[in-house]
Protein backbone atom coordinates (compact mmCIF):
# COMPACT_ATOMS: atom_id res chain seq x y z
CA UNK A 1 167.07 60.88 118.64
CA UNK A 2 164.21 62.34 120.66
CA UNK A 3 165.47 65.84 120.01
CA UNK A 4 165.24 65.35 116.23
CA UNK A 5 161.74 63.91 116.52
CA UNK A 6 160.61 66.85 118.65
CA UNK A 7 161.99 69.34 116.12
CA UNK A 8 160.33 67.51 113.26
CA UNK A 9 156.96 67.50 115.03
CA UNK A 10 157.27 71.17 115.92
CA UNK A 11 158.15 71.99 112.31
CA UNK A 12 155.13 70.12 110.97
CA UNK A 13 152.69 71.56 113.52
CA UNK A 14 153.45 75.23 112.72
CA UNK A 15 151.65 76.52 109.63
CA UNK A 16 153.90 78.36 107.23
CA UNK A 17 152.64 81.45 105.45
CA UNK A 18 153.58 80.07 102.04
CA UNK A 19 151.59 76.88 102.50
CA UNK A 20 148.53 78.77 103.69
CA UNK A 21 148.23 80.82 100.53
CA UNK A 22 149.49 80.36 97.02
CA UNK A 23 151.60 83.14 95.59
CA UNK A 24 150.41 84.58 92.29
CA UNK A 25 152.63 87.58 91.54
CA UNK A 26 151.46 88.07 87.95
CA UNK A 27 147.80 88.11 88.94
CA UNK A 28 148.58 90.52 91.77
CA UNK A 29 150.48 92.83 89.42
CA UNK A 30 147.69 92.82 86.84
CA UNK A 31 145.12 93.53 89.53
CA UNK A 32 147.19 96.42 90.81
CA UNK A 33 147.59 97.86 87.29
CA UNK A 34 143.85 97.59 86.61
CA UNK A 35 143.05 99.36 89.86
CA UNK A 36 145.59 102.10 89.09
CA UNK A 37 144.15 102.52 85.59
CA UNK A 38 140.67 102.98 87.05
CA UNK A 39 141.90 105.59 89.50
CA UNK A 40 144.15 107.54 87.08
CA UNK A 41 143.16 106.81 83.47
CA UNK A 42 144.82 109.94 82.06
CA UNK A 43 148.24 108.95 83.42
CA UNK A 44 147.92 105.44 81.99
CA UNK A 45 146.78 106.77 78.60
CA UNK A 46 149.68 109.25 78.38
CA UNK A 47 152.17 106.56 79.43
CA UNK A 48 150.88 104.17 76.76
CA UNK A 49 150.98 106.95 74.17
CA UNK A 50 154.57 107.79 75.17
CA UNK A 51 155.71 104.17 74.92
CA UNK A 52 153.97 103.79 71.58
CA UNK A 53 155.52 106.98 70.25
CA UNK A 54 159.05 105.96 71.27
CA UNK A 55 158.65 102.39 69.97
CA UNK A 56 157.17 103.64 66.70
CA UNK A 57 160.01 106.13 66.30
CA UNK A 58 162.75 103.57 67.04
CA UNK A 59 161.21 100.66 65.10
CA UNK A 60 160.03 102.45 61.97
CA UNK A 61 160.45 100.20 58.90
CA UNK A 62 162.26 102.71 56.66
């Protein structure tokens, strides 16, 4: 029984990386995309134009 208590105390005393910080993957992704757009605005603009062109071509109403 002492062995289990020692393991439990050791487990509680060690900080885990996930409990120290909260994970926010969507916020991290948006921050990364904003930073990339500031560094290379022409690439982002051409990519958006390309996606818009393809979507407009495939989803045209007629």
